Amino acid sequence: MDIETYMTDRVDDQLKYYENAATRAKNTHVRTQAAIIILGLLVPVVTNLPSSWGPSIDIGPQIKIAVTILSLTLAILTGLANFRKPGDLWLTYRMTEELLKHEKFLFITGSGPYFNSEKAGHDFVESIESIISAEHNKFRTIVDTTRRATDGRVEAGQKTEGESPDR
């Protein structure tokens, strides 16, 4: 594979992937946090509504239902935000995208380690693949931490009885 093909088929493709993934994670993070803030503000407001308006209108049961629904939704969103960690993913994806861009522009301009290098193409491929591999390892760490948390393990990274040391 020549360097132009690698650039379009691998580097540009990965740049698009990380840009889209970062955008999705950011949007999820921002929307989730905004909803958590709004719901957190609504619970005490709805709780403090008067239970009746006038002598014949009792809204006490409706307030209890509304507070319950708001509180449950708040708990679910908070749990999902902590479980899926869209904010962490957003930063990881964006950082990987920026590292790939940086390496691409160094190579294209013949700067940095690629200046007057006879093996610039080879070094470029190794750098790009190293960046992508590092991001995959970060993602795997996030997934493993989440799995351990849902399995009830005490600490992220802590081995459980019978777990192989290579896992």
N, C-alpha and C. Protein backbone atom coordinates (compact mmCIF):
# COMPACT_ATOMS: atom_id res chain seq x y z
N MET A 1 0.85 -1.17 0.00
CA MET A 1 0.00 0.00 0.00
C MET A 1 0.90 1.24 0.00
N ASP A 2 0.61 2.15 -0.90
CA ASP A 2 1.41 3.37 -0.94
C ASP A 2 0.87 4.37 0.09
N ILE A 3 1.64 5.42 0.32
CA ILE A 3 1.32 6.36 1.39
C ILE A 3 0.06 7.17 1.09
N GLU A 4 -0.22 7.47 -0.18
CA GLU A 4 -1.44 8.20 -0.52
C GLU A 4 -2.68 7.38 -0.21
N THR A 5 -2.62 6.09 -0.55
CA THR A 5 -3.74 5.19 -0.26
C THR A 5 -3.92 5.06 1.25
N TYR A 6 -2.82 4.90 1.96
CA TYR A 6 -2.89 4.82 3.42
C TYR A 6 -3.51 6.09 4.00
N MET A 7 -3.11 7.23 3.45
CA MET A 7 -3.61 8.52 3.95
C MET A 7 -5.13 8.60 3.78
N THR A 8 -5.64 8.22 2.64
CA THR A 8 -7.08 8.34 2.41
C THR A 8 -7.87 7.19 3.04
N ASP A 9 -7.36 5.96 2.90
CA ASP A 9 -8.11 4.81 3.39
C ASP A 9 -8.03 4.62 4.90
N ARG A 10 -6.96 5.04 5.50
CA ARG A 10 -6.79 4.80 6.93
C ARG A 10 -6.85 6.11 7.73
N VAL A 11 -5.97 7.04 7.43
CA VAL A 11 -5.86 8.25 8.25
C VAL A 11 -7.12 9.11 8.13
N ASP A 12 -7.52 9.45 6.92
CA ASP A 12 -8.70 10.29 6.74
C ASP A 12 -9.96 9.60 7.26
N ASP A 13 -10.05 8.29 7.05
CA ASP A 13 -11.19 7.52 7.55
C ASP A 13 -11.24 7.57 9.08
N GLN A 14 -10.10 7.40 9.73
CA GLN A 14 -10.05 7.46 11.19
C GLN A 14 -10.35 8.87 11.71
N LEU A 15 -9.87 9.88 11.00
CA LEU A 15 -10.17 11.26 11.40
C LEU A 15 -11.68 11.51 11.37
N LYS A 16 -12.35 11.04 10.32
CA LYS A 16 -13.80 11.20 10.23
C LYS A 16 -14.49 10.44 11.36
N TYR A 17 -14.03 9.22 11.63
CA TYR A 17 -14.63 8.41 12.69
C TYR A 17 -14.51 9.12 14.04
N TYR A 18 -13.31 9.57 14.39
CA TYR A 18 -13.11 10.20 15.68
C TYR A 18 -13.83 11.54 15.80
N GLU A 19 -13.91 12.27 14.70
CA GLU A 19 -14.66 13.52 14.72
C GLU A 19 -16.13 13.26 15.00
N ASN A 20 -16.72 12.28 14.29
CA ASN A 20 -18.13 11.94 14.49
C ASN A 20 -18.37 11.37 15.89
N ALA A 21 -17.48 10.50 16.34
CA ALA A 21 -17.63 9.90 17.66
C ALA A 21 -17.53 10.96 18.76
N ALA A 22 -16.60 11.90 18.60
CA ALA A 22 -16.44 12.97 19.59
C ALA A 22 -17.68 13.85 19.62
N THR A 23 -18.21 14.16 18.46
CA THR A 23 -19.41 15.00 18.38
C THR A 23 -20.60 14.31 19.05
N ARG A 24 -20.78 13.02 18.76
CA ARG A 24 -21.88 12.27 19.39
C ARG A 24 -21.71 12.22 20.91
N ALA A 25 -20.50 11.92 21.37
CA ALA A 25 -20.26 11.84 22.81
C ALA A 25 -20.46 13.20 23.48
N LYS A 26 -20.01 14.27 22.82
CA LYS A 26 -20.18 15.61 23.38
C LYS A 26 -21.66 15.96 23.49
N ASN A 27 -22.40 15.72 22.42
CA ASN A 27 -23.83 16.02 22.44
C ASN A 27 -24.55 15.23 23.53
N THR A 28 -24.22 13.95 23.65
CA THR A 28 -24.83 13.12 24.69
C THR A 28 -24.48 13.66 26.06
N HIS A 29 -23.21 14.00 26.26
CA HIS A 29 -22.76 14.52 27.55
C HIS A 29 -23.47 15.83 27.91
N VAL A 30 -23.50 16.76 26.97
CA VAL A 30 -24.09 18.07 27.23
C VAL A 30 -25.59 17.94 27.49
N ARG A 31 -26.28 17.16 26.68
CA ARG A 31 -27.73 16.99 26.87
C ARG A 31 -28.04 16.30 28.19
N THR A 32 -27.29 15.27 28.50
CA THR A 32 -27.52 14.54 29.75
C THR A 32 -27.27 15.44 30.96
N GLN A 33 -26.18 16.18 30.94
CA GLN A 33 -25.88 17.07 32.08
C GLN A 33 -26.92 18.18 32.19
N ALA A 34 -27.37 18.71 31.07
CA ALA A 34 -28.40 19.75 31.12
C ALA A 34 -29.70 19.19 31.70
N ALA A 35 -30.07 17.99 31.27
CA ALA A 35 -31.29 17.36 31.80
C ALA A 35 -31.16 17.09 33.29
N ILE A 36 -29.99 16.65 33.73
CA ILE A 36 -29.77 16.40 35.16
C ILE A 36 -29.92 17.69 35.96
N ILE A 37 -29.36 18.77 35.46
CA ILE A 37 -29.46 20.06 36.15
C ILE A 37 -30.91 20.52 36.21
N ILE A 38 -31.61 20.45 35.09
CA ILE A 38 -33.00 20.91 35.04
C ILE A 38 -33.88 20.08 35.96
N LEU A 39 -33.73 18.74 35.89
CA LEU A 39 -34.53 17.88 36.75
C LEU A 39 -34.20 18.10 38.23
N GLY A 40 -32.91 18.31 38.51
CA GLY A 40 -32.51 18.58 39.88
C GLY A 40 -33.13 19.86 40.42
N LEU A 41 -33.34 20.83 39.55
CA LEU A 41 -33.98 22.08 39.95
C LEU A 41 -35.50 21.93 40.06
N LEU A 42 -36.09 21.09 39.21
CA LEU A 42 -37.54 20.93 39.21
C LEU A 42 -38.06 20.16 40.41
N VAL A 43 -37.30 19.21 40.92
CA VAL A 43 -37.79 18.38 42.04
C VAL A 43 -38.18 19.23 43.24
N PRO A 44 -37.32 20.13 43.74
CA PRO A 44 -37.76 20.92 44.89
C PRO A 44 -38.89 21.91 44.56
N VAL A 45 -38.90 22.39 43.33
CA VAL A 45 -39.97 23.32 42.95
C VAL A 45 -41.32 22.61 42.98
N VAL A 46 -41.38 21.43 42.35
CA VAL A 46 -42.64 20.69 42.32
C VAL A 46 -43.01 20.20 43.72
N THR A 47 -42.03 19.82 44.50
CA THR A 47 -42.29 19.37 45.87
C THR A 47 -42.94 20.47 46.70
N ASN A 48 -42.56 21.69 46.45
CA ASN A 48 -43.08 22.82 47.25
C ASN A 48 -44.32 23.48 46.67
N LEU A 49 -44.90 22.91 45.63
CA LEU A 49 -46.16 23.44 45.12
C LEU A 49 -47.25 23.21 46.17
N PRO A 50 -48.20 24.11 46.25
CA PRO A 50 -49.29 23.89 47.22
C PRO A 50 -50.11 22.66 46.81
N SER A 51 -50.55 21.91 47.81
CA SER A 51 -51.28 20.68 47.50
C SER A 51 -52.71 20.93 47.06
N SER A 52 -53.17 22.15 47.23
CA SER A 52 -54.52 22.45 46.75
C SER A 52 -54.58 23.89 46.26
N TRP A 53 -55.40 24.07 45.26
CA TRP A 53 -55.64 25.41 44.73
C TRP A 53 -57.13 25.68 44.86
N GLY A 54 -57.43 26.44 45.81
CA GLY A 54 -58.85 26.72 46.06
C GLY A 54 -59.47 25.61 46.89
N PRO A 55 -60.69 25.80 47.29
CA PRO A 55 -61.33 24.84 48.19
C PRO A 55 -61.68 23.51 47.54
N SER A 56 -61.80 23.44 46.22
CA SER A 56 -62.27 22.19 45.62
C SER A 56 -61.24 21.48 44.74
N ILE A 57 -60.03 22.01 44.62
CA ILE A 57 -59.04 21.40 43.72
C ILE A 57 -57.86 20.88 44.54
N ASP A 58 -57.78 19.55 44.70
CA ASP A 58 -56.70 18.91 45.45
C ASP A 58 -55.74 18.27 44.44
N ILE A 59 -54.50 18.79 44.39
CA ILE A 59 -53.52 18.24 43.44
C ILE A 59 -52.39 17.51 44.17
N GLY A 60 -52.60 17.20 45.44
CA GLY A 60 -51.60 16.50 46.24
C GLY A 60 -51.12 15.20 45.59
N PRO A 61 -52.02 14.31 45.15
CA PRO A 61 -51.58 13.05 44.54
C PRO A 61 -50.79 13.28 43.23
N GLN A 62 -51.19 14.25 42.44
CA GLN A 62 -50.50 14.54 41.20
C GLN A 62 -49.08 15.06 41.48
N ILE A 63 -48.93 15.83 42.54
CA ILE A 63 -47.60 16.34 42.90
C ILE A 63 -46.70 15.19 43.29
N LYS A 64 -47.23 14.25 44.07
CA LYS A 64 -46.43 13.08 44.48
C LYS A 64 -46.00 12.28 43.26
N ILE A 65 -46.90 12.09 42.34
CA ILE A 65 -46.57 11.34 41.11
C ILE A 65 -45.51 12.09 40.30
N ALA A 66 -45.69 13.40 40.17
CA ALA A 66 -44.73 14.21 39.40
C ALA A 66 -43.34 14.18 40.04
N VAL A 67 -43.28 14.31 41.37
CA VAL A 67 -41.99 14.28 42.06
C VAL A 67 -41.34 12.90 41.89
N THR A 68 -42.14 11.86 41.99
CA THR A 68 -41.61 10.50 41.82
C THR A 68 -41.04 10.32 40.41
N ILE A 69 -41.77 10.75 39.40
CA ILE A 69 -41.31 10.60 38.02
C ILE A 69 -40.05 11.43 37.79
N LEU A 70 -40.04 12.67 38.26
CA LEU A 70 -38.86 13.53 38.10
C LEU A 70 -37.65 12.93 38.81
N SER A 71 -37.85 12.44 40.02
CA SER A 71 -36.75 11.86 40.79
C SER A 71 -36.21 10.60 40.14
N LEU A 72 -37.09 9.74 39.67
CA LEU A 72 -36.65 8.52 38.99
C LEU A 72 -35.89 8.84 37.70
N THR A 73 -36.41 9.79 36.95
CA THR A 73 -35.73 10.19 35.71
C THR A 73 -34.36 10.76 36.01
N LEU A 74 -34.27 11.57 37.05
CA LEU A 74 -32.99 12.14 37.47
C LEU A 74 -32.01 11.04 37.86
N ALA A 75 -32.47 10.06 38.63
CA ALA A 75 -31.60 8.95 39.04
C ALA A 75 -31.14 8.13 37.84
N ILE A 76 -32.04 7.87 36.91
CA ILE A 76 -31.69 7.10 35.72
C ILE A 76 -30.66 7.84 34.88
N LEU A 77 -30.88 9.12 34.62
CA LEU A 77 -29.93 9.90 33.82
C LEU A 77 -28.56 9.99 34.49
N THR A 78 -28.56 10.19 35.81
CA THR A 78 -27.29 10.26 36.54
C THR A 78 -26.56 8.93 36.46
N GLY A 79 -27.30 7.84 36.62
CA GLY A 79 -26.69 6.52 36.52
C GLY A 79 -26.13 6.24 35.13
N LEU A 80 -26.89 6.59 34.11
CA LEU A 80 -26.41 6.39 32.74
C LEU A 80 -25.18 7.24 32.44
N ALA A 81 -25.18 8.47 32.93
CA ALA A 81 -24.03 9.35 32.71
C ALA A 81 -22.78 8.78 33.38
N ASN A 82 -22.94 8.23 34.57
CA ASN A 82 -21.81 7.63 35.27
C ASN A 82 -21.40 6.29 34.67
N PHE A 83 -22.36 5.57 34.14
CA PHE A 83 -22.10 4.26 33.56
C PHE A 83 -21.45 4.36 32.18
N ARG A 84 -22.01 5.18 31.32
CA ARG A 84 -21.52 5.28 29.94
C ARG A 84 -20.37 6.26 29.77
N LYS A 85 -20.25 7.22 30.67
CA LYS A 85 -19.17 8.21 30.69
C LYS A 85 -18.98 8.94 29.35
N PRO A 86 -20.04 9.55 28.83
CA PRO A 86 -19.89 10.24 27.54
C PRO A 86 -18.90 11.40 27.59
N GLY A 87 -18.74 12.04 28.74
CA GLY A 87 -17.77 13.13 28.86
C GLY A 87 -16.35 12.63 28.69
N ASP A 88 -16.04 11.49 29.31
CA ASP A 88 -14.71 10.89 29.16
C ASP A 88 -14.46 10.45 27.72
N LEU A 89 -15.48 9.84 27.12
CA LEU A 89 -15.33 9.39 25.73
C LEU A 89 -15.14 10.58 24.80
N TRP A 90 -15.87 11.64 25.04
CA TRP A 90 -15.74 12.84 24.21
C TRP A 90 -14.30 13.33 24.23
N LEU A 91 -13.72 13.46 25.42
CA LEU A 91 -12.35 13.94 25.53
C LEU A 91 -11.35 12.98 24.88
N THR A 92 -11.55 11.70 25.09
CA THR A 92 -10.65 10.70 24.50
C THR A 92 -10.71 10.74 22.97
N TYR A 93 -11.92 10.78 22.43
CA TYR A 93 -12.07 10.82 20.97
C TYR A 93 -11.50 12.11 20.39
N ARG A 94 -11.77 13.23 21.04
CA ARG A 94 -11.29 14.51 20.53
C ARG A 94 -9.77 14.57 20.59
N MET A 95 -9.19 14.07 21.67
CA MET A 95 -7.73 14.07 21.80
C MET A 95 -7.09 13.19 20.73
N THR A 96 -7.69 12.04 20.48
CA THR A 96 -7.16 11.15 19.44
C THR A 96 -7.26 11.81 18.08
N GLU A 97 -8.37 12.45 17.80
CA GLU A 97 -8.53 13.16 16.52
C GLU A 97 -7.46 14.23 16.36
N GLU A 98 -7.22 15.00 17.40
CA GLU A 98 -6.22 16.07 17.32
C GLU A 98 -4.80 15.51 17.16
N LEU A 99 -4.51 14.40 17.82
CA LEU A 99 -3.19 13.78 17.66
C LEU A 99 -3.00 13.28 16.23
N LEU A 100 -4.04 12.68 15.66
CA LEU A 100 -3.96 12.22 14.27
C LEU A 100 -3.76 13.39 13.31
N LYS A 101 -4.49 14.47 13.51
CA LYS A 101 -4.33 15.67 12.66
C LYS A 101 -2.91 16.21 12.77
N HIS A 102 -2.42 16.30 14.00
CA HIS A 102 -1.08 16.82 14.24
C HIS A 102 -0.04 15.99 13.48
N GLU A 103 -0.15 14.69 13.60
CA GLU A 103 0.81 13.80 12.94
C GLU A 103 0.68 13.91 11.42
N LYS A 104 -0.54 14.00 10.93
CA LYS A 104 -0.78 14.13 9.49
C LYS A 104 -0.13 15.40 8.95
N PHE A 105 -0.31 16.51 9.65
CA PHE A 105 0.24 17.77 9.16
C PHE A 105 1.76 17.82 9.27
N LEU A 106 2.31 17.21 10.30
CA LEU A 106 3.77 17.10 10.37
C LEU A 106 4.30 16.34 9.16
N PHE A 107 3.64 15.25 8.83
CA PHE A 107 4.07 14.42 7.70
C PHE A 107 3.92 15.17 6.37
N ILE A 108 2.75 15.76 6.17
CA ILE A 108 2.47 16.47 4.90
C ILE A 108 3.47 17.60 4.67
N THR A 109 3.83 18.31 5.72
CA THR A 109 4.74 19.45 5.59
C THR A 109 6.22 19.06 5.71
N GLY A 110 6.46 17.78 5.99
CA GLY A 110 7.85 17.33 6.14
C GLY A 110 8.52 17.94 7.35
N SER A 111 7.76 18.13 8.40
CA SER A 111 8.28 18.76 9.62
C SER A 111 8.55 17.73 10.70
N GLY A 112 9.18 18.19 11.77
CA GLY A 112 9.42 17.33 12.92
C GLY A 112 10.23 16.10 12.55
N PRO A 113 9.78 14.94 12.97
CA PRO A 113 10.54 13.72 12.71
C PRO A 113 10.57 13.32 11.23
N TYR A 114 9.74 13.95 10.42
CA TYR A 114 9.67 13.61 9.00
C TYR A 114 10.55 14.51 8.14
N PHE A 115 11.24 15.46 8.72
CA PHE A 115 12.11 16.38 8.00
C PHE A 115 13.33 15.62 7.47
N ASN A 116 13.49 15.63 6.16
CA ASN A 116 14.62 14.97 5.48
C ASN A 116 14.82 13.52 5.91
N SER A 117 13.74 12.83 6.22
CA SER A 117 13.85 11.42 6.64
C SER A 117 13.58 10.51 5.45
N GLU A 118 14.48 9.56 5.24
CA GLU A 118 14.31 8.61 4.14
C GLU A 118 13.19 7.62 4.43
N LYS A 119 12.90 7.39 5.67
CA LYS A 119 11.84 6.45 6.03
C LYS A 119 10.64 7.16 6.66
N ALA A 120 10.35 8.37 6.17
CA ALA A 120 9.26 9.18 6.71
C ALA A 120 7.92 8.46 6.60
N GLY A 121 7.65 7.82 5.48
CA GLY A 121 6.38 7.11 5.29
C GLY A 121 6.22 5.99 6.29
N HIS A 122 7.26 5.23 6.48
CA HIS A 122 7.25 4.12 7.44
C HIS A 122 7.04 4.65 8.86
N ASP A 123 7.76 5.70 9.22
CA ASP A 123 7.62 6.29 10.55
C ASP A 123 6.22 6.88 10.76
N PHE A 124 5.67 7.47 9.71
CA PHE A 124 4.33 8.05 9.77
C PHE A 124 3.30 6.96 10.07
N VAL A 125 3.37 5.87 9.34
CA VAL A 125 2.43 4.76 9.56
C VAL A 125 2.55 4.24 10.99
N GLU A 126 3.76 4.07 11.45
CA GLU A 126 3.96 3.58 12.83
C GLU A 126 3.38 4.56 13.86
N SER A 127 3.56 5.84 13.64
CA SER A 127 3.02 6.84 14.56
C SER A 127 1.50 6.83 14.58
N ILE A 128 0.90 6.78 13.40
CA ILE A 128 -0.56 6.76 13.29
C ILE A 128 -1.13 5.52 13.97
N GLU A 129 -0.55 4.37 13.67
CA GLU A 129 -1.05 3.12 14.26
C GLU A 129 -0.84 3.10 15.77
N SER A 130 0.20 3.72 16.24
CA SER A 130 0.45 3.80 17.68
C SER A 130 -0.61 4.67 18.36
N ILE A 131 -0.98 5.77 17.74
CA ILE A 131 -2.02 6.65 18.29
C ILE A 131 -3.35 5.91 18.35
N ILE A 132 -3.70 5.23 17.28
CA ILE A 132 -4.97 4.50 17.23
C ILE A 132 -4.98 3.37 18.27
N SER A 133 -3.87 2.67 18.38
CA SER A 133 -3.77 1.58 19.35
C SER A 133 -3.89 2.11 20.78
N ALA A 134 -3.28 3.24 21.06
CA ALA A 134 -3.37 3.84 22.40
C ALA A 134 -4.81 4.22 22.72
N GLU A 135 -5.55 4.74 21.74
CA GLU A 135 -6.94 5.09 21.98
C GLU A 135 -7.76 3.84 22.24
N HIS A 136 -7.51 2.77 21.50
CA HIS A 136 -8.23 1.51 21.72
C HIS A 136 -7.98 1.00 23.13
N ASN A 137 -6.74 1.13 23.61
CA ASN A 137 -6.42 0.70 24.97
C ASN A 137 -7.15 1.55 26.01
N LYS A 138 -7.26 2.87 25.76
CA LYS A 138 -8.01 3.74 26.68
C LYS A 138 -9.48 3.33 26.71
N PHE A 139 -10.03 3.06 25.53
CA PHE A 139 -11.43 2.66 25.44
C PHE A 139 -11.64 1.34 26.18
N ARG A 140 -10.73 0.40 25.98
CA ARG A 140 -10.83 -0.89 26.66
C ARG A 140 -10.78 -0.70 28.18
N THR A 141 -9.95 0.22 28.64
CA THR A 141 -9.87 0.50 30.08
C THR A 141 -11.19 1.04 30.60
N ILE A 142 -11.82 1.94 29.85
CA ILE A 142 -13.12 2.48 30.24
C ILE A 142 -14.15 1.36 30.31
N VAL A 143 -14.17 0.49 29.30
CA VAL A 143 -15.13 -0.61 29.28
C VAL A 143 -14.87 -1.57 30.43
N ASP A 144 -13.62 -1.92 30.66
CA ASP A 144 -13.28 -2.83 31.76
C ASP A 144 -13.65 -2.23 33.11
N THR A 145 -13.40 -0.94 33.29
CA THR A 145 -13.75 -0.27 34.54
C THR A 145 -15.26 -0.32 34.75
N THR A 146 -16.01 -0.09 33.70
CA THR A 146 -17.47 -0.14 33.77
C THR A 146 -17.93 -1.54 34.12
N ARG A 147 -17.34 -2.54 33.47
CA ARG A 147 -17.72 -3.93 33.77
C ARG A 147 -17.43 -4.28 35.22
N ARG A 148 -16.27 -3.88 35.69
CA ARG A 148 -15.92 -4.18 37.08
C ARG A 148 -16.89 -3.50 38.04
N ALA A 149 -17.27 -2.27 37.71
CA ALA A 149 -18.21 -1.56 38.58
C ALA A 149 -19.57 -2.26 38.60
N THR A 150 -20.02 -2.75 37.46
CA THR A 150 -21.31 -3.42 37.41
C THR A 150 -21.24 -4.83 37.99
N ASP A 151 -20.05 -5.41 38.04
CA ASP A 151 -19.88 -6.73 38.66
C ASP A 151 -19.77 -6.63 40.17
N GLY A 152 -19.71 -5.40 40.70
CA GLY A 152 -19.63 -5.20 42.13
C GLY A 152 -18.23 -5.29 42.69
N ARG A 153 -17.24 -5.17 41.86
CA ARG A 153 -15.86 -5.20 42.34
C ARG A 153 -15.54 -3.90 43.04
N VAL A 154 -14.68 -3.96 44.01
CA VAL A 154 -14.41 -2.83 44.89
C VAL A 154 -13.72 -1.69 44.18
N GLU A 155 -12.65 -1.96 43.46
CA GLU A 155 -11.85 -0.92 42.83
C GLU A 155 -11.68 -1.23 41.36
N ALA A 156 -11.69 -0.19 40.53
CA ALA A 156 -11.39 -0.38 39.12
C ALA A 156 -9.95 -0.85 39.00
N GLY A 157 -9.73 -1.89 38.25
CA GLY A 157 -8.39 -2.41 38.07
C GLY A 157 -8.04 -3.49 39.07
N GLN A 158 -8.85 -3.68 40.09
CA GLN A 158 -8.56 -4.69 41.10
C GLN A 158 -8.94 -6.07 40.55
N LYS A 159 -8.07 -7.03 40.70
CA LYS A 159 -8.33 -8.38 40.23
C LYS A 159 -9.22 -9.10 41.24
N THR A 160 -10.12 -9.90 40.71
CA THR A 160 -10.97 -10.69 41.60
C THR A 160 -10.40 -12.10 41.69
N GLU A 161 -10.88 -12.82 42.64
CA GLU A 161 -10.40 -14.19 42.85
C GLU A 161 -10.65 -15.02 41.61
N GLY A 162 -9.61 -15.70 41.15
CA GLY A 162 -9.72 -16.55 39.98
C GLY A 162 -9.50 -15.83 38.66
N GLU A 163 -9.38 -14.52 38.68
CA GLU A 163 -9.18 -13.76 37.44
C GLU A 163 -7.72 -13.88 37.01
N SER A 164 -7.50 -14.12 35.73
CA SER A 164 -6.13 -14.26 35.25
C SER A 164 -5.43 -12.91 35.27
N PRO A 165 -4.12 -12.91 35.53
CA PRO A 165 -3.39 -11.63 35.60
C PRO A 165 -3.28 -10.94 34.26
N ASP A 166 -3.50 -11.63 33.15
CA ASP A 166 -3.37 -11.04 31.81
C ASP A 166 -4.62 -10.32 31.37
N ARG A 167 -5.69 -10.48 32.07
CA ARG A 167 -6.96 -9.90 31.65
C ARG A 167 -7.00 -8.42 31.82
